């Protein structure tokens, strides 16, 4: 059974990704880090929490 290890680092305006598995097998990638991603994440998190804390979720309405 293979185990995968993902390492993510933010360096300035870049995200560095390194995926490794098996015997010294790995792949790396670099992506631009958009400044709006933190705001988008916080909006998603708030929406997610509100959805699951809503008591009327899943109730049948007559």
PDB file of N, CA and C in Angstrom:
ATOM      1  N   UNK A   1       0.841  -1.183   0.000  1.00  0.00           N
ATOM      2  CA  UNK A   1       0.000   0.000   0.000  1.00  0.00           C
ATOM      3  C   UNK A   1       0.883   1.242   0.000  1.00  0.00           C
ATOM      4  N   UNK A   2       0.662   2.119  -0.964  1.00  0.00           N
ATOM      5  CA  UNK A   2       1.440   3.354  -1.052  1.00  0.00           C
ATOM      6  C   UNK A   2       0.896   4.414  -0.104  1.00  0.00           C
ATOM      7  N   UNK A   3       1.801   5.149   0.486  1.00  0.00           N
ATOM      8  CA  UNK A   3       1.444   6.316   1.276  1.00  0.00           C
ATOM      9  C   UNK A   3       1.881   7.540   0.489  1.00  0.00           C
ATOM     10  N   UNK A   4       1.039   8.550   0.498  1.00  0.00           N
ATOM     11  CA  UNK A   4       1.354   9.794  -0.195  1.00  0.00           C
ATOM     12  C   UNK A   4       1.570  10.887   0.838  1.00  0.00           C
ATOM     13  N   UNK A   5       2.527  11.754   0.572  1.00  0.00           N
ATOM     14  CA  UNK A   5       2.832  12.873   1.443  1.00  0.00           C
ATOM     15  C   UNK A   5       2.788  14.139   0.615  1.00  0.00           C
ATOM     16  N   UNK A   6       1.995  15.100   1.062  1.00  0.00           N
ATOM     17  CA  UNK A   6       1.860  16.365   0.358  1.00  0.00           C
ATOM     18  C   UNK A   6       2.408  17.474   1.235  1.00  0.00           C
ATOM     19  N   UNK A   7       3.354  18.214   0.710  1.00  0.00           N
ATOM     20  CA  UNK A   7       3.951  19.342   1.415  1.00  0.00           C
ATOM     21  C   UNK A   7       3.579  20.602   0.646  1.00  0.00           C
ATOM     22  N   UNK A   8       3.019  21.592   1.351  1.00  0.00           N
ATOM     23  CA  UNK A   8       2.612  22.851   0.728  1.00  0.00           C
ATOM     24  C   UNK A   8       3.268  23.988   1.495  1.00  0.00           C
ATOM     25  N   UNK A   9       3.878  24.901   0.741  1.00  0.00           N
ATOM     26  CA  UNK A   9       4.517  26.063   1.351  1.00  0.00           C
ATOM     27  C   UNK A   9       4.103  27.311   0.593  1.00  0.00           C
ATOM     28  N   UNK A  10       3.870  28.390   1.334  1.00  0.00           N
ATOM     29  CA  UNK A  10       3.616  29.686   0.713  1.00  0.00           C
ATOM     30  C   UNK A  10       4.889  30.507   0.847  1.00  0.00           C
ATOM     31  N   UNK A  11       5.430  30.914  -0.281  1.00  0.00           N
ATOM     32  CA  UNK A  11       6.630  31.742  -0.302  1.00  0.00           C
ATOM     33  C   UNK A  11       6.297  32.981  -1.110  1.00  0.00           C
ATOM     34  N   UNK A  12       6.216  34.116  -0.420  1.00  0.00           N
ATOM     35  CA  UNK A  12       5.803  35.372  -1.039  1.00  0.00           C
ATOM     36  C   UNK A  12       4.473  35.191  -1.751  1.00  0.00           C
ATOM     37  N   UNK A  13       4.450  35.315  -3.066  1.00  0.00           N
ATOM     38  CA  UNK A  13       3.202  35.201  -3.829  1.00  0.00           C
ATOM     39  C   UNK A  13       3.138  33.891  -4.608  1.00  0.00           C
ATOM     40  N   UNK A  14       3.836  32.872  -4.087  1.00  0.00           N
ATOM     41  CA  UNK A  14       3.879  31.582  -4.759  1.00  0.00           C
ATOM     42  C   UNK A  14       3.543  30.465  -3.765  1.00  0.00           C
ATOM     43  N   UNK A  15       2.796  29.462  -4.234  1.00  0.00           N
ATOM     44  CA  UNK A  15       2.553  28.248  -3.461  1.00  0.00           C
ATOM     45  C   UNK A  15       3.409  27.147  -4.061  1.00  0.00           C
ATOM     46  N   UNK A  16       4.173  26.486  -3.219  1.00  0.00           N
ATOM     47  CA  UNK A  16       5.008  25.381  -3.654  1.00  0.00           C
ATOM     48  C   UNK A  16       4.378  24.075  -3.180  1.00  0.00           C
ATOM     49  N   UNK A  17       4.213  23.123  -4.081  1.00  0.00           N
ATOM     50  CA  UNK A  17       3.619  21.831  -3.770  1.00  0.00           C
ATOM     51  C   UNK A  17       4.642  20.734  -4.066  1.00  0.00           C
ATOM     52  N   UNK A  18       4.748  19.782  -3.152  1.00  0.00           N
ATOM     53  CA  UNK A  18       5.585  18.615  -3.392  1.00  0.00           C
ATOM     54  C   UNK A  18       4.819  17.379  -2.941  1.00  0.00           C
ATOM     55  N   UNK A  19       4.578  16.480  -3.867  1.00  0.00           N
ATOM     56  CA  UNK A  19       3.902  15.220  -3.587  1.00  0.00           C
ATOM     57  C   UNK A  19       4.932  14.113  -3.698  1.00  0.00           C
ATOM     58  N   UNK A  20       5.040  13.298  -2.649  1.00  0.00           N
ATOM     59  CA  UNK A  20       6.005  12.196  -2.690  1.00  0.00           C
ATOM     60  C   UNK A  20       5.318  10.898  -2.287  1.00  0.00           C
ATOM     61  N   UNK A  21       5.870   9.789  -2.800  1.00  0.00           N
ATOM     62  CA  UNK A  21       5.332   8.458  -2.531  1.00  0.00           C
ATOM     63  C   UNK A  21       6.381   7.418  -2.908  1.00  0.00           C
ATOM     64  N   UNK A  22       6.127   6.199  -2.522  1.00  0.00           N
ATOM     65  CA  UNK A  22       6.998   5.089  -2.907  1.00  0.00           C
ATOM     66  C   UNK A  22       8.440   5.304  -2.509  1.00  0.00           C
ATOM     67  N   UNK A  23       9.325   4.803  -3.361  1.00  0.00           N
ATOM     68  CA  UNK A  23      10.766   4.909  -3.118  1.00  0.00           C
ATOM     69  C   UNK A  23      11.330   6.100  -3.863  1.00  0.00           C
ATOM     70  N   UNK A  24      11.404   7.220  -3.189  1.00  0.00           N
ATOM     71  CA  UNK A  24      11.980   8.458  -3.724  1.00  0.00           C
ATOM     72  C   UNK A  24      11.257   8.996  -4.955  1.00  0.00           C
ATOM     73  N   UNK A  25       9.984   8.696  -5.102  1.00  0.00           N
ATOM     74  CA  UNK A  25       9.219   9.251  -6.203  1.00  0.00           C
ATOM     75  C   UNK A  25       8.562  10.535  -5.720  1.00  0.00           C
ATOM     76  N   UNK A  26       8.636  11.571  -6.547  1.00  0.00           N
ATOM     77  CA  UNK A  26       8.008  12.829  -6.165  1.00  0.00           C
ATOM     78  C   UNK A  26       7.752  13.695  -7.391  1.00  0.00           C
ATOM     79  N   UNK A  27       6.841  14.625  -7.200  1.00  0.00           N
ATOM     80  CA  UNK A  27       6.524  15.598  -8.244  1.00  0.00           C
ATOM     81  C   UNK A  27       6.328  16.939  -7.548  1.00  0.00           C
ATOM     82  N   UNK A  28       6.739  18.013  -8.194  1.00  0.00           N
ATOM     83  CA  UNK A  28       6.613  19.342  -7.608  1.00  0.00           C
ATOM     84  C   UNK A  28       5.885  20.273  -8.574  1.00  0.00           C
ATOM     85  N   UNK A  29       5.296  21.307  -8.007  1.00  0.00           N
ATOM     86  CA  UNK A  29       4.613  22.315  -8.821  1.00  0.00           C
ATOM     87  C   UNK A  29       4.648  23.639  -8.081  1.00  0.00           C
ATOM     88  N   UNK A  30       4.586  24.716  -8.840  1.00  0.00           N
ATOM     89  CA  UNK A  30       4.506  26.065  -8.286  1.00  0.00           C
ATOM     90  C   UNK A  30       3.304  26.758  -8.906  1.00  0.00           C
ATOM     91  N   UNK A  31       2.516  27.420  -8.058  1.00  0.00           N
ATOM     92  CA  UNK A  31       1.366  28.171  -8.536  1.00  0.00           C
ATOM     93  C   UNK A  31       1.364  29.551  -7.904  1.00  0.00           C
ATOM     94  N   UNK A  32       0.857  30.529  -8.641  1.00  0.00           N
ATOM     95  CA  UNK A  32       0.692  31.872  -8.123  1.00  0.00           C
ATOM     96  C   UNK A  32      -0.315  31.842  -6.982  1.00  0.00           C
ATOM     97  N   UNK A  33      -0.043  32.518  -5.886  1.00  0.00           N
ATOM     98  CA  UNK A  33      -0.934  32.578  -4.725  1.00  0.00           C
ATOM     99  C   UNK A  33      -1.786  33.833  -4.838  1.00  0.00           C
ATOM    100  N   UNK A  34      -3.077  33.669  -5.179  1.00  0.00           N
ATOM    101  CA  UNK A  34      -3.930  34.855  -5.315  1.00  0.00           C
ATOM    102  C   UNK A  34      -4.243  35.469  -3.951  1.00  0.00           C
ATOM    103  N   UNK A  35      -4.165  36.771  -3.863  1.00  0.00           N
ATOM    104  CA  UNK A  35      -4.400  37.469  -2.597  1.00  0.00           C
ATOM    105  C   UNK A  35      -5.833  37.289  -2.097  1.00  0.00           C
ATOM    106  N   UNK A  36      -6.770  37.052  -2.991  1.00  0.00           N
ATOM    107  CA  UNK A  36      -8.179  36.935  -2.601  1.00  0.00           C
ATOM    108  C   UNK A  36      -8.535  35.561  -2.036  1.00  0.00           C
ATOM    109  N   UNK A  37      -7.615  34.637  -2.033  1.00  0.00           N
ATOM    110  CA  UNK A  37      -7.950  33.277  -1.611  1.00  0.00           C
ATOM    111  C   UNK A  37      -8.324  33.189  -0.126  1.00  0.00           C
ATOM    112  N   UNK A  38      -7.707  33.975   0.717  1.00  0.00           N
ATOM    113  CA  UNK A  38      -8.034  33.960   2.147  1.00  0.00           C
ATOM    114  C   UNK A  38      -9.460  34.469   2.356  1.00  0.00           C
ATOM    115  N   UNK A  39      -9.832  35.555   1.697  1.00  0.00           N
ATOM    116  CA  UNK A  39     -11.185  36.085   1.803  1.00  0.00           C
ATOM    117  C   UNK A  39     -12.197  35.071   1.275  1.00  0.00           C
ATOM    118  N   UNK A  40     -11.905  34.451   0.157  1.00  0.00           N
ATOM    119  CA  UNK A  40     -12.808  33.445  -0.413  1.00  0.00           C
ATOM    120  C   UNK A  40     -12.962  32.264   0.536  1.00  0.00           C
ATOM    121  N   UNK A  41     -11.882  31.825   1.146  1.00  0.00           N
ATOM    122  CA  UNK A  41     -11.947  30.717   2.103  1.00  0.00           C
ATOM    123  C   UNK A  41     -12.813  31.081   3.305  1.00  0.00           C
ATOM    124  N   UNK A  42     -12.621  32.287   3.848  1.00  0.00           N
ATOM    125  CA  UNK A  42     -13.402  32.712   5.011  1.00  0.00           C
ATOM    126  C   UNK A  42     -14.889  32.803   4.675  1.00  0.00           C
ATOM    127  N   UNK A  43     -15.229  33.260   3.468  1.00  0.00           N
ATOM    128  CA  UNK A  43     -16.628  33.312   3.039  1.00  0.00           C
ATOM    129  C   UNK A  43     -17.203  31.901   2.924  1.00  0.00           C
ATOM    130  N   UNK A  44     -16.438  30.985   2.349  1.00  0.00           N
ATOM    131  CA  UNK A  44     -16.882  29.598   2.232  1.00  0.00           C
ATOM    132  C   UNK A  44     -17.091  28.986   3.618  1.00  0.00           C
ATOM    133  N   UNK A  45     -16.138  29.214   4.513  1.00  0.00           N
ATOM    134  CA  UNK A  45     -16.207  28.653   5.857  1.00  0.00           C
ATOM    135  C   UNK A  45     -17.449  29.144   6.596  1.00  0.00           C
ATOM    136  N   UNK A  46     -17.753  30.435   6.483  1.00  0.00           N
ATOM    137  CA  UNK A  46     -18.931  31.006   7.132  1.00  0.00           C
ATOM    138  C   UNK A  46     -20.206  30.380   6.569  1.00  0.00           C
ATOM    139  N   UNK A  47     -20.284  30.255   5.255  1.00  0.00           N
ATOM    140  CA  UNK A  47     -21.448  29.657   4.608  1.00  0.00           C
ATOM    141  C   UNK A  47     -21.607  28.199   5.031  1.00  0.00           C
ATOM    142  N   UNK A  48     -20.522  27.464   5.046  1.00  0.00           N
ATOM    143  CA  UNK A  48     -20.528  26.051   5.442  1.00  0.00           C
ATOM    144  C   UNK A  48     -21.024  25.892   6.876  1.00  0.00           C
ATOM    145  N   UNK A  49     -20.479  26.673   7.788  1.00  0.00           N
ATOM    146  CA  UNK A  49     -20.869  26.588   9.200  1.00  0.00           C
ATOM    147  C   UNK A  49     -22.329  26.979   9.394  1.00  0.00           C
ATOM    148  N   UNK A  50     -22.782  28.029   8.693  1.00  0.00           N
ATOM    149  CA  UNK A  50     -24.181  28.441   8.786  1.00  0.00           C
ATOM    150  C   UNK A  50     -25.106  27.347   8.284  1.00  0.00           C
ATOM    151  N   UNK A  51     -24.746  26.684   7.219  1.00  0.00           N
ATOM    152  CA  UNK A  51     -25.570  25.613   6.657  1.00  0.00           C
ATOM    153  C   UNK A  51     -25.724  24.471   7.648  1.00  0.00           C
ATOM    154  N   UNK A  52     -24.642  24.056   8.271  1.00  0.00           N
ATOM    155  CA  UNK A  52     -24.697  22.912   9.171  1.00  0.00           C
ATOM    156  C   UNK A  52     -25.170  23.265  10.577  1.00  0.00           C
ATOM    157  N   UNK A  53     -25.250  24.534  10.920  1.00  0.00           N
ATOM    158  CA  UNK A  53     -25.772  24.902  12.230  1.00  0.00           C
ATOM    159  C   UNK A  53     -27.255  25.259  12.153  1.00  0.00           C
ATOM    160  N   UNK A  54     -27.796  25.324  10.956  1.00  0.00           N
ATOM    161  CA  UNK A  54     -29.203  25.669  10.756  1.00  0.00           C
ATOM    162  C   UNK A  54     -30.074  24.496  11.211  1.00  0.00           C
ATOM    163  N   UNK A  55     -30.953  24.750  12.193  1.00  0.00           N
ATOM    164  CA  UNK A  55     -31.784  23.689  12.770  1.00  0.00           C
ATOM    165  C   UNK A  55     -32.865  23.189  11.818  1.00  0.00           C
ATOM    166  N   UNK A  56     -33.249  23.997  10.839  1.00  0.00           N
ATOM    167  CA  UNK A  56     -34.327  23.593   9.935  1.00  0.00           C
ATOM    168  C   UNK A  56     -33.828  22.719   8.784  1.00  0.00           C
ATOM    169  N   UNK A  57     -32.558  22.527   8.707  1.00  0.00           N
ATOM    170  CA  UNK A  57     -32.010  21.713   7.611  1.00  0.00           C
ATOM    171  C   UNK A  57     -32.496  20.283   7.739  1.00  0.00           C
ATOM    172  N   UNK A  58     -33.073  19.756   6.700  1.00  0.00           N
ATOM    173  CA  UNK A  58     -33.479  18.370   6.673  1.00  0.00           C
ATOM    174  C   UNK A  58     -34.868  18.088   7.240  1.00  0.00           C
ATOM    175  N   UNK A  59     -35.596  19.125   7.687  1.00  0.00           N
ATOM    176  CA  UNK A  59     -36.928  18.909   8.217  1.00  0.00           C
ATOM    177  C   UNK A  59     -37.950  18.930   7.090  1.00  0.00           C
ATOM    178  N   UNK A  60     -38.982  18.132   7.247  1.00  0.00           N
ATOM    179  CA  UNK A  60     -40.077  18.096   6.284  1.00  0.00           C
ATOM    180  C   UNK A  60     -41.091  19.177   6.681  1.00  0.00           C
ATOM    181  N   UNK A  61     -41.471  19.990   5.732  1.00  0.00           N
ATOM    182  CA  UNK A  61     -42.442  21.060   5.970  1.00  0.00           C
ATOM    183  C   UNK A  61     -43.773  20.622   5.377  1.00  0.00           C
ATOM    184  N   UNK A  62     -44.854  20.681   6.195  1.00  0.00           N
ATOM    185  CA  UNK A  62     -46.186  20.291   5.722  1.00  0.00           C
ATOM    186  C   UNK A  62     -46.749  21.298   4.739  1.00  0.00           C
TER     187      UNK A  62
END
